[in-house]
ModelCIF file with pLDDT and N, C-alpha, C, O atoms, coordinates in Angstrom:
data_MODEL
#
_entry.id   MODEL 
#
_entity.id                         1 
_entity.type                       polymer 
_entity.pdbx_number_of_molecules   1 
#
_entity_poly.entity_id                      1 
_entity_poly.type                           'polypeptide(L)' 
_entity_poly.nstd_linkage                   no 
_entity_poly.nstd_monomer                   no 
_entity_poly.pdbx_seq_one_letter_code       PNTPLDLAAAAHALGKIWMQSVSFQDVRPNQAIYDEAENTQNLR 
_entity_poly.pdbx_seq_one_letter_code_can   PNTPLDLAAAAHALGKIWMQSVSFQDVRPNQAIYDEAENTQNLR 
_entity_poly.pdbx_strand_id                 A 
#
loop_
_entity_poly_seq.entity_id 
_entity_poly_seq.num 
_entity_poly_seq.mon_id 
_entity_poly_seq.hetero 
1 1  PRO n 
1 2  ASN n 
1 3  THR n 
1 4  PRO n 
1 5  LEU n 
1 6  ASP n 
1 7  LEU n 
1 8  ALA n 
1 9  ALA n 
1 10 ALA n 
1 11 ALA n 
1 12 HIS n 
1 13 ALA n 
1 14 LEU n 
1 15 GLY n 
1 16 LYS n 
1 17 ILE n 
1 18 TRP n 
1 19 MET n 
1 20 GLN n 
1 21 SER n 
1 22 VAL n 
1 23 SER n 
1 24 PHE n 
1 25 GLN n 
1 26 ASP n 
1 27 VAL n 
1 28 ARG n 
1 29 PRO n 
1 30 ASN n 
1 31 GLN n 
1 32 ALA n 
1 33 ILE n 
1 34 TYR n 
1 35 ASP n 
1 36 GLU n 
1 37 ALA n 
1 38 GLU n 
1 39 ASN n 
1 40 THR n 
1 41 GLN n 
1 42 ASN n 
1 43 LEU n 
1 44 ARG n 
#
_struct_asym.id          A 
_struct_asym.entity_id   1 
#
loop_
_ma_qa_metric.id 
_ma_qa_metric.mode 
_ma_qa_metric.name 
_ma_qa_metric.software_group_id 
_ma_qa_metric.type 
1 global pLDDT . pLDDT 
2 local  pLDDT . pLDDT 
#
_ma_qa_metric_global.metric_id      1 
_ma_qa_metric_global.metric_value   96.41 
_ma_qa_metric_global.model_id       1 
_ma_qa_metric_global.ordinal_id     1 
#
loop_
_ma_qa_metric_local.label_asym_id 
_ma_qa_metric_local.label_comp_id 
_ma_qa_metric_local.label_seq_id 
_ma_qa_metric_local.metric_id 
_ma_qa_metric_local.metric_value 
_ma_qa_metric_local.model_id 
_ma_qa_metric_local.ordinal_id 
A PRO 1  2 93.00 1 1  
A ASN 2  2 93.00 1 2  
A THR 3  2 96.00 1 3  
A PRO 4  2 97.00 1 4  
A LEU 5  2 98.00 1 5  
A ASP 6  2 98.00 1 6  
A LEU 7  2 98.00 1 7  
A ALA 8  2 98.00 1 8  
A ALA 9  2 98.00 1 9  
A ALA 10 2 98.00 1 10 
A ALA 11 2 98.00 1 11 
A HIS 12 2 98.00 1 12 
A ALA 13 2 98.00 1 13 
A LEU 14 2 98.00 1 14 
A GLY 15 2 98.00 1 15 
A LYS 16 2 98.00 1 16 
A ILE 17 2 98.00 1 17 
A TRP 18 2 98.00 1 18 
A MET 19 2 98.00 1 19 
A GLN 20 2 98.00 1 20 
A SER 21 2 96.00 1 21 
A VAL 22 2 97.00 1 22 
A SER 23 2 95.00 1 23 
A PHE 24 2 96.00 1 24 
A GLN 25 2 96.00 1 25 
A ASP 26 2 96.00 1 26 
A VAL 27 2 95.00 1 27 
A ARG 28 2 93.00 1 28 
A PRO 29 2 89.00 1 29 
A ASN 30 2 88.00 1 30 
A GLN 31 2 91.00 1 31 
A ALA 32 2 93.00 1 32 
A ILE 33 2 95.00 1 33 
A TYR 34 2 96.00 1 34 
A ASP 35 2 97.00 1 35 
A GLU 36 2 98.00 1 36 
A ALA 37 2 98.00 1 37 
A GLU 38 2 98.00 1 38 
A ASN 39 2 98.00 1 39 
A THR 40 2 98.00 1 40 
A GLN 41 2 98.00 1 41 
A ASN 42 2 98.00 1 42 
A LEU 43 2 98.00 1 43 
A ARG 44 2 98.00 1 44 
#
loop_
_atom_site.group_PDB 
_atom_site.id 
_atom_site.type_symbol 
_atom_site.label_atom_id 
_atom_site.label_alt_id 
_atom_site.label_comp_id 
_atom_site.label_asym_id 
_atom_site.label_entity_id 
_atom_site.label_seq_id 
_atom_site.pdbx_PDB_ins_code 
_atom_site.Cartn_x 
_atom_site.Cartn_y 
_atom_site.Cartn_z 
_atom_site.occupancy 
_atom_site.B_iso_or_equiv 
_atom_site.pdbx_formal_charge 
_atom_site.auth_seq_id 
_atom_site.auth_comp_id 
_atom_site.auth_asym_id 
_atom_site.auth_atom_id 
_atom_site.pdbx_PDB_model_num 
ATOM 1   N N  . PRO A 1 1  ? -41.128 81.720 48.454 1.00 93.00 ? 1  PRO A N  1 
ATOM 2   C CA . PRO A 1 1  ? -41.802 80.528 48.785 1.00 93.00 ? 1  PRO A CA 1 
ATOM 3   C C  . PRO A 1 1  ? -41.735 79.364 47.757 1.00 93.00 ? 1  PRO A C  1 
ATOM 4   O O  . PRO A 1 1  ? -41.978 79.548 46.565 1.00 93.00 ? 1  PRO A O  1 
ATOM 5   N N  . ASN A 1 2  ? -41.402 78.189 48.264 1.00 93.00 ? 2  ASN A N  1 
ATOM 6   C CA . ASN A 1 2  ? -41.394 76.945 47.510 1.00 93.00 ? 2  ASN A CA 1 
ATOM 7   C C  . ASN A 1 2  ? -40.224 76.908 46.512 1.00 93.00 ? 2  ASN A C  1 
ATOM 8   O O  . ASN A 1 2  ? -40.158 75.938 45.757 1.00 93.00 ? 2  ASN A O  1 
ATOM 9   N N  . THR A 1 3  ? -39.328 77.845 46.443 1.00 96.00 ? 3  THR A N  1 
ATOM 10  C CA . THR A 1 3  ? -38.104 77.717 45.714 1.00 96.00 ? 3  THR A CA 1 
ATOM 11  C C  . THR A 1 3  ? -37.133 76.669 46.420 1.00 96.00 ? 3  THR A C  1 
ATOM 12  O O  . THR A 1 3  ? -37.273 76.396 47.612 1.00 96.00 ? 3  THR A O  1 
ATOM 13  N N  . PRO A 1 4  ? -36.185 76.120 45.660 1.00 97.00 ? 4  PRO A N  1 
ATOM 14  C CA . PRO A 1 4  ? -35.256 75.183 46.437 1.00 97.00 ? 4  PRO A CA 1 
ATOM 15  C C  . PRO A 1 4  ? -34.605 75.753 47.688 1.00 97.00 ? 4  PRO A C  1 
ATOM 16  O O  . PRO A 1 4  ? -34.475 75.054 48.693 1.00 97.00 ? 4  PRO A O  1 
ATOM 17  N N  . LEU A 1 5  ? -34.165 77.104 47.634 1.00 98.00 ? 5  LEU A N  1 
ATOM 18  C CA . LEU A 1 5  ? -33.638 77.631 48.831 1.00 98.00 ? 5  LEU A CA 1 
ATOM 19  C C  . LEU A 1 5  ? -34.656 77.653 49.976 1.00 98.00 ? 5  LEU A C  1 
ATOM 20  O O  . LEU A 1 5  ? -34.306 77.421 51.133 1.00 98.00 ? 5  LEU A O  1 
ATOM 21  N N  . ASP A 1 6  ? -35.902 77.932 49.644 1.00 98.00 ? 6  ASP A N  1 
ATOM 22  C CA . ASP A 1 6  ? -36.850 77.891 50.730 1.00 98.00 ? 6  ASP A CA 1 
ATOM 23  C C  . ASP A 1 6  ? -37.163 76.526 51.190 1.00 98.00 ? 6  ASP A C  1 
ATOM 24  O O  . ASP A 1 6  ? -37.409 76.323 52.379 1.00 98.00 ? 6  ASP A O  1 
ATOM 25  N N  . LEU A 1 7  ? -37.169 75.565 50.304 1.00 98.00 ? 7  LEU A N  1 
ATOM 26  C CA . LEU A 1 7  ? -37.395 74.087 50.742 1.00 98.00 ? 7  LEU A CA 1 
ATOM 27  C C  . LEU A 1 7  ? -36.332 73.636 51.706 1.00 98.00 ? 7  LEU A C  1 
ATOM 28  O O  . LEU A 1 7  ? -36.621 73.033 52.739 1.00 98.00 ? 7  LEU A O  1 
ATOM 29  N N  . ALA A 1 8  ? -35.035 73.946 51.342 1.00 98.00 ? 8  ALA A N  1 
ATOM 30  C CA . ALA A 1 8  ? -33.934 73.706 52.148 1.00 98.00 ? 8  ALA A CA 1 
ATOM 31  C C  . ALA A 1 8  ? -34.014 74.309 53.561 1.00 98.00 ? 8  ALA A C  1 
ATOM 32  O O  . ALA A 1 8  ? -33.772 73.640 54.566 1.00 98.00 ? 8  ALA A O  1 
ATOM 33  N N  . ALA A 1 9  ? -34.355 75.565 53.589 1.00 98.00 ? 9  ALA A N  1 
ATOM 34  C CA . ALA A 1 9  ? -34.578 76.269 54.799 1.00 98.00 ? 9  ALA A CA 1 
ATOM 35  C C  . ALA A 1 9  ? -35.533 75.649 55.690 1.00 98.00 ? 9  ALA A C  1 
ATOM 36  O O  . ALA A 1 9  ? -35.308 75.469 56.887 1.00 98.00 ? 9  ALA A O  1 
ATOM 37  N N  . ALA A 1 10 ? -36.637 75.314 55.080 1.00 98.00 ? 10 ALA A N  1 
ATOM 38  C CA . ALA A 1 10 ? -37.802 74.695 55.883 1.00 98.00 ? 10 ALA A CA 1 
ATOM 39  C C  . ALA A 1 10 ? -37.329 73.324 56.396 1.00 98.00 ? 10 ALA A C  1 
ATOM 40  O O  . ALA A 1 10 ? -37.703 72.961 57.511 1.00 98.00 ? 10 ALA A O  1 
ATOM 41  N N  . ALA A 1 11 ? -36.607 72.617 55.725 1.00 98.00 ? 11 ALA A N  1 
ATOM 42  C CA . ALA A 1 11 ? -36.049 71.262 56.245 1.00 98.00 ? 11 ALA A CA 1 
ATOM 43  C C  . ALA A 1 11 ? -35.138 71.554 57.339 1.00 98.00 ? 11 ALA A C  1 
ATOM 44  O O  . ALA A 1 11 ? -35.204 70.848 58.345 1.00 98.00 ? 11 ALA A O  1 
ATOM 45  N N  . HIS A 1 12 ? -34.303 72.495 57.276 1.00 98.00 ? 12 HIS A N  1 
ATOM 46  C CA . HIS A 1 12 ? -33.360 72.804 58.389 1.00 98.00 ? 12 HIS A CA 1 
ATOM 47  C C  . HIS A 1 12 ? -34.139 73.361 59.640 1.00 98.00 ? 12 HIS A C  1 
ATOM 48  O O  . HIS A 1 12 ? -33.787 73.101 60.791 1.00 98.00 ? 12 HIS A O  1 
ATOM 49  N N  . ALA A 1 13 ? -35.149 74.093 59.347 1.00 98.00 ? 13 ALA A N  1 
ATOM 50  C CA . ALA A 1 13 ? -36.006 74.553 60.498 1.00 98.00 ? 13 ALA A CA 1 
ATOM 51  C C  . ALA A 1 13 ? -36.612 73.321 61.286 1.00 98.00 ? 13 ALA A C  1 
ATOM 52  O O  . ALA A 1 13 ? -36.857 73.360 62.492 1.00 98.00 ? 13 ALA A O  1 
ATOM 53  N N  . LEU A 1 14 ? -36.813 72.285 60.520 1.00 98.00 ? 14 LEU A N  1 
ATOM 54  C CA . LEU A 1 14 ? -37.364 71.098 61.242 1.00 98.00 ? 14 LEU A CA 1 
ATOM 55  C C  . LEU A 1 14 ? -36.275 70.217 61.861 1.00 98.00 ? 14 LEU A C  1 
ATOM 56  O O  . LEU A 1 14 ? -36.511 69.134 62.397 1.00 98.00 ? 14 LEU A O  1 
ATOM 57  N N  . GLY A 1 15 ? -35.077 70.764 61.744 1.00 98.00 ? 15 GLY A N  1 
ATOM 58  C CA . GLY A 1 15 ? -33.945 69.958 62.399 1.00 98.00 ? 15 GLY A CA 1 
ATOM 59  C C  . GLY A 1 15 ? -33.486 68.864 61.467 1.00 98.00 ? 15 GLY A C  1 
ATOM 60  O O  . GLY A 1 15 ? -32.834 67.942 61.958 1.00 98.00 ? 15 GLY A O  1 
ATOM 61  N N  . LYS A 1 16 ? -33.756 68.863 60.171 1.00 98.00 ? 16 LYS A N  1 
ATOM 62  C CA . LYS A 1 16 ? -33.316 67.902 59.217 1.00 98.00 ? 16 LYS A CA 1 
ATOM 63  C C  . LYS A 1 16 ? -32.272 68.365 58.269 1.00 98.00 ? 16 LYS A C  1 
ATOM 64  O O  . LYS A 1 16 ? -32.176 69.552 57.957 1.00 98.00 ? 16 LYS A O  1 
ATOM 65  N N  . ILE A 1 17 ? -31.499 67.450 57.815 1.00 98.00 ? 17 ILE A N  1 
ATOM 66  C CA . ILE A 1 17 ? -30.441 67.753 56.756 1.00 98.00 ? 17 ILE A CA 1 
ATOM 67  C C  . ILE A 1 17 ? -31.209 67.893 55.464 1.00 98.00 ? 17 ILE A C  1 
ATOM 68  O O  . ILE A 1 17 ? -32.325 67.387 55.340 1.00 98.00 ? 17 ILE A O  1 
ATOM 69  N N  . TRP A 1 18 ? -30.600 68.599 54.467 1.00 98.00 ? 18 TRP A N  1 
ATOM 70  C CA . TRP A 1 18 ? -31.249 68.694 53.141 1.00 98.00 ? 18 TRP A CA 1 
ATOM 71  C C  . TRP A 1 18 ? -30.215 68.194 52.109 1.00 98.00 ? 18 TRP A C  1 
ATOM 72  O O  . TRP A 1 18 ? -29.009 68.438 52.151 1.00 98.00 ? 18 TRP A O  1 
ATOM 73  N N  . MET A 1 19 ? -30.886 67.426 51.137 1.00 98.00 ? 19 MET A N  1 
ATOM 74  C CA . MET A 1 19 ? -30.067 66.843 50.035 1.00 98.00 ? 19 MET A CA 1 
ATOM 75  C C  . MET A 1 19 ? -30.572 67.604 48.740 1.00 98.00 ? 19 MET A C  1 
ATOM 76  O O  . MET A 1 19 ? -31.704 67.413 48.296 1.00 98.00 ? 19 MET A O  1 
ATOM 77  N N  . GLN A 1 20 ? -29.708 68.437 48.187 1.00 98.00 ? 20 GLN A N  1 
ATOM 78  C CA . GLN A 1 20 ? -30.150 69.179 47.065 1.00 98.00 ? 20 GLN A CA 1 
ATOM 79  C C  . GLN A 1 20 ? -29.864 68.501 45.726 1.00 98.00 ? 20 GLN A C  1 
ATOM 80  O O  . GLN A 1 20 ? -28.776 67.976 45.490 1.00 98.00 ? 20 GLN A O  1 
ATOM 81  N N  . SER A 1 21 ? -30.882 68.529 44.854 1.00 96.00 ? 21 SER A N  1 
ATOM 82  C CA . SER A 1 21 ? -30.718 67.895 43.497 1.00 96.00 ? 21 SER A CA 1 
ATOM 83  C C  . SER A 1 21 ? -29.848 68.875 42.605 1.00 96.00 ? 21 SER A C  1 
ATOM 84  O O  . SER A 1 21 ? -30.097 70.074 42.484 1.00 96.00 ? 21 SER A O  1 
ATOM 85  N N  . VAL A 1 22 ? -28.876 68.260 42.042 1.00 97.00 ? 22 VAL A N  1 
ATOM 86  C CA . VAL A 1 22 ? -27.977 68.926 41.007 1.00 97.00 ? 22 VAL A CA 1 
ATOM 87  C C  . VAL A 1 22 ? -28.225 68.270 39.677 1.00 97.00 ? 22 VAL A C  1 
ATOM 88  O O  . VAL A 1 22 ? -28.108 67.051 39.551 1.00 97.00 ? 22 VAL A O  1 
ATOM 89  N N  . SER A 1 23 ? -28.564 69.055 38.690 1.00 95.00 ? 23 SER A N  1 
ATOM 90  C CA . SER A 1 23 ? -29.013 68.391 37.386 1.00 95.00 ? 23 SER A CA 1 
ATOM 91  C C  . SER A 1 23 ? -28.554 69.330 36.219 1.00 95.00 ? 23 SER A C  1 
ATOM 92  O O  . SER A 1 23 ? -28.333 70.534 36.350 1.00 95.00 ? 23 SER A O  1 
ATOM 93  N N  . PHE A 1 24 ? -28.443 68.607 35.055 1.00 96.00 ? 24 PHE A N  1 
ATOM 94  C CA . PHE A 1 24 ? -27.937 69.266 33.866 1.00 96.00 ? 24 PHE A CA 1 
ATOM 95  C C  . PHE A 1 24 ? -29.197 69.621 33.033 1.00 96.00 ? 24 PHE A C  1 
ATOM 96  O O  . PHE A 1 24 ? -29.512 70.800 32.871 1.00 96.00 ? 24 PHE A O  1 
ATOM 97  N N  . GLN A 1 25 ? -29.902 68.624 32.515 1.00 96.00 ? 25 GLN A N  1 
ATOM 98  C CA . GLN A 1 25 ? -31.049 68.880 31.629 1.00 96.00 ? 25 GLN A CA 1 
ATOM 99  C C  . GLN A 1 25 ? -32.073 67.685 31.802 1.00 96.00 ? 25 GLN A C  1 
ATOM 100 O O  . GLN A 1 25 ? -31.854 66.728 32.545 1.00 96.00 ? 25 GLN A O  1 
ATOM 101 N N  . ASP A 1 26 ? -33.161 67.836 31.073 1.00 96.00 ? 26 ASP A N  1 
ATOM 102 C CA . ASP A 1 26 ? -34.266 66.807 31.053 1.00 96.00 ? 26 ASP A CA 1 
ATOM 103 C C  . ASP A 1 26 ? -34.833 66.914 29.661 1.00 96.00 ? 26 ASP A C  1 
ATOM 104 O O  . ASP A 1 26 ? -35.463 67.919 29.332 1.00 96.00 ? 26 ASP A O  1 
ATOM 105 N N  . VAL A 1 27 ? -34.611 65.808 28.749 1.00 95.00 ? 27 VAL A N  1 
ATOM 106 C CA . VAL A 1 27 ? -35.134 65.724 27.537 1.00 95.00 ? 27 VAL A CA 1 
ATOM 107 C C  . VAL A 1 27 ? -35.567 64.253 27.310 1.00 95.00 ? 27 VAL A C  1 
ATOM 108 O O  . VAL A 1 27 ? -34.777 63.311 27.382 1.00 95.00 ? 27 VAL A O  1 
ATOM 109 N N  . ARG A 1 28 ? -36.935 64.129 27.019 1.00 93.00 ? 28 ARG A N  1 
ATOM 110 C CA . ARG A 1 28 ? -37.504 62.699 27.016 1.00 93.00 ? 28 ARG A CA 1 
ATOM 111 C C  . ARG A 1 28 ? -38.247 62.525 25.792 1.00 93.00 ? 28 ARG A C  1 
ATOM 112 O O  . ARG A 1 28 ? -39.439 62.829 25.759 1.00 93.00 ? 28 ARG A O  1 
ATOM 113 N N  . PRO A 1 29 ? -37.613 62.034 24.722 1.00 89.00 ? 29 PRO A N  1 
ATOM 114 C CA . PRO A 1 29 ? -38.275 61.647 23.470 1.00 89.00 ? 29 PRO A CA 1 
ATOM 115 C C  . PRO A 1 29 ? -39.360 60.715 23.689 1.00 89.00 ? 29 PRO A C  1 
ATOM 116 O O  . PRO A 1 29 ? -40.372 60.805 22.994 1.00 89.00 ? 29 PRO A O  1 
ATOM 117 N N  . ASN A 1 30 ? -39.243 59.751 24.666 1.00 88.00 ? 30 ASN A N  1 
ATOM 118 C CA . ASN A 1 30 ? -40.263 58.702 24.844 1.00 88.00 ? 30 ASN A CA 1 
ATOM 119 C C  . ASN A 1 30 ? -41.446 59.274 25.397 1.00 88.00 ? 30 ASN A C  1 
ATOM 120 O O  . ASN A 1 30 ? -42.481 58.616 25.285 1.00 88.00 ? 30 ASN A O  1 
ATOM 121 N N  . GLN A 1 31 ? -41.488 60.435 26.002 1.00 91.00 ? 31 GLN A N  1 
ATOM 122 C CA . GLN A 1 31 ? -42.652 61.140 26.477 1.00 91.00 ? 31 GLN A CA 1 
ATOM 123 C C  . GLN A 1 31 ? -42.919 62.415 25.698 1.00 91.00 ? 31 GLN A C  1 
ATOM 124 O O  . GLN A 1 31 ? -43.908 63.097 25.966 1.00 91.00 ? 31 GLN A O  1 
ATOM 125 N N  . ALA A 1 32 ? -42.070 62.754 24.748 1.00 93.00 ? 32 ALA A N  1 
ATOM 126 C CA . ALA A 1 32 ? -42.291 63.956 23.867 1.00 93.00 ? 32 ALA A CA 1 
ATOM 127 C C  . ALA A 1 32 ? -42.400 65.286 24.717 1.00 93.00 ? 32 ALA A C  1 
ATOM 128 O O  . ALA A 1 32 ? -43.175 66.195 24.419 1.00 93.00 ? 32 ALA A O  1 
ATOM 129 N N  . ILE A 1 33 ? -41.594 65.310 25.745 1.00 95.00 ? 33 ILE A N  1 
ATOM 130 C CA . ILE A 1 33 ? -41.415 66.570 26.602 1.00 95.00 ? 33 ILE A CA 1 
ATOM 131 C C  . ILE A 1 33 ? -39.975 66.889 26.896 1.00 95.00 ? 33 ILE A C  1 
ATOM 132 O O  . ILE A 1 33 ? -39.100 66.024 26.888 1.00 95.00 ? 33 ILE A O  1 
ATOM 133 N N  . TYR A 1 34 ? -39.754 68.183 27.162 1.00 96.00 ? 34 TYR A N  1 
ATOM 134 C CA . TYR A 1 34 ? -38.444 68.568 27.508 1.00 96.00 ? 34 TYR A CA 1 
ATOM 135 C C  . TYR A 1 34 ? -38.373 69.782 28.367 1.00 96.00 ? 34 TYR A C  1 
ATOM 136 O O  . TYR A 1 34 ? -39.308 70.580 28.294 1.00 96.00 ? 34 TYR A O  1 
ATOM 137 N N  . ASP A 1 35 ? -37.378 70.020 29.172 1.00 97.00 ? 35 ASP A N  1 
ATOM 138 C CA . ASP A 1 35 ? -37.222 71.250 29.902 1.00 97.00 ? 35 ASP A CA 1 
ATOM 139 C C  . ASP A 1 35 ? -36.105 72.123 29.215 1.00 97.00 ? 35 ASP A C  1 
ATOM 140 O O  . ASP A 1 35 ? -35.140 71.591 28.668 1.00 97.00 ? 35 ASP A O  1 
ATOM 141 N N  . GLU A 1 36 ? -36.279 73.484 29.269 1.00 98.00 ? 36 GLU A N  1 
ATOM 142 C CA . GLU A 1 36 ? -35.238 74.343 28.705 1.00 98.00 ? 36 GLU A CA 1 
ATOM 143 C C  . GLU A 1 36 ? -34.213 74.514 29.846 1.00 98.00 ? 36 GLU A C  1 
ATOM 144 O O  . GLU A 1 36 ? -34.467 75.172 30.855 1.00 98.00 ? 36 GLU A O  1 
ATOM 145 N N  . ALA A 1 37 ? -33.073 73.902 29.634 1.00 98.00 ? 37 ALA A N  1 
ATOM 146 C CA . ALA A 1 37 ? -31.927 74.035 30.614 1.00 98.00 ? 37 ALA A CA 1 
ATOM 147 C C  . ALA A 1 37 ? -31.187 75.278 30.479 1.00 98.00 ? 37 ALA A C  1 
ATOM 148 O O  . ALA A 1 37 ? -30.456 75.646 31.399 1.00 98.00 ? 37 ALA A O  1 
ATOM 149 N N  . GLU A 1 38 ? -31.321 76.006 29.338 1.00 98.00 ? 38 GLU A N  1 
ATOM 150 C CA . GLU A 1 38 ? -30.501 77.189 29.065 1.00 98.00 ? 38 GLU A CA 1 
ATOM 151 C C  . GLU A 1 38 ? -29.026 76.942 28.967 1.00 98.00 ? 38 GLU A C  1 
ATOM 152 O O  . GLU A 1 38 ? -28.246 77.658 29.596 1.00 98.00 ? 38 GLU A O  1 
ATOM 153 N N  . ASN A 1 39 ? -28.603 75.946 28.198 1.00 98.00 ? 39 ASN A N  1 
ATOM 154 C CA . ASN A 1 39 ? -27.252 75.473 28.158 1.00 98.00 ? 39 ASN A CA 1 
ATOM 155 C C  . ASN A 1 39 ? -26.836 74.984 29.550 1.00 98.00 ? 39 ASN A C  1 
ATOM 156 O O  . ASN A 1 39 ? -27.518 74.125 30.110 1.00 98.00 ? 39 ASN A O  1 
ATOM 157 N N  . THR A 1 40 ? -25.765 75.488 30.119 1.00 98.00 ? 40 THR A N  1 
ATOM 158 C CA . THR A 1 40 ? -25.351 74.979 31.482 1.00 98.00 ? 40 THR A CA 1 
ATOM 159 C C  . THR A 1 40 ? -25.929 75.782 32.600 1.00 98.00 ? 40 THR A C  1 
ATOM 160 O O  . THR A 1 40 ? -25.470 75.595 33.727 1.00 98.00 ? 40 THR A O  1 
ATOM 161 N N  . GLN A 1 41 ? -26.887 76.660 32.418 1.00 98.00 ? 41 GLN A N  1 
ATOM 162 C CA . GLN A 1 41 ? -27.453 77.606 33.423 1.00 98.00 ? 41 GLN A CA 1 
ATOM 163 C C  . GLN A 1 41 ? -28.107 76.713 34.495 1.00 98.00 ? 41 GLN A C  1 
ATOM 164 O O  . GLN A 1 41 ? -27.921 76.959 35.687 1.00 98.00 ? 41 GLN A O  1 
ATOM 165 N N  . ASN A 1 42 ? -28.821 75.746 34.115 1.00 98.00 ? 42 ASN A N  1 
ATOM 166 C CA . ASN A 1 42 ? -29.604 74.952 35.200 1.00 98.00 ? 42 ASN A CA 1 
ATOM 167 C C  . ASN A 1 42 ? -28.526 74.285 36.102 1.00 98.00 ? 42 ASN A C  1 
ATOM 168 O O  . ASN A 1 42 ? -28.600 74.328 37.330 1.00 98.00 ? 42 ASN A O  1 
ATOM 169 N N  . LEU A 1 43 ? -27.528 73.670 35.432 1.00 98.00 ? 43 LEU A N  1 
ATOM 170 C CA . LEU A 1 43 ? -26.478 73.007 36.227 1.00 98.00 ? 43 LEU A CA 1 
ATOM 171 C C  . LEU A 1 43 ? -25.759 73.860 37.195 1.00 98.00 ? 43 LEU A C  1 
ATOM 172 O O  . LEU A 1 43 ? -25.402 73.429 38.292 1.00 98.00 ? 43 LEU A O  1 
ATOM 173 N N  . ARG A 1 44 ? -25.520 75.209 36.747 1.00 98.00 ? 44 ARG A N  1 
ATOM 174 C CA . ARG A 1 44 ? -24.828 76.106 37.590 1.00 98.00 ? 44 ARG A CA 1 
ATOM 175 C C  . ARG A 1 44 ? -25.772 76.655 38.703 1.00 98.00 ? 44 ARG A C  1 
ATOM 176 O O  . ARG A 1 44 ? -25.345 77.454 39.536 1.00 98.00 ? 44 ARG A O  1 
#
């Protein structure tokens, strides 16, 4: 539930196309927050 695969499936069940986000990392010094991308794991 609510994983990207589930969200895509729910959109398809509504008869809609799905646009998946592909991303590398998120590091924001101006907000002093970051995500752990685990090297290229998030991208893959």
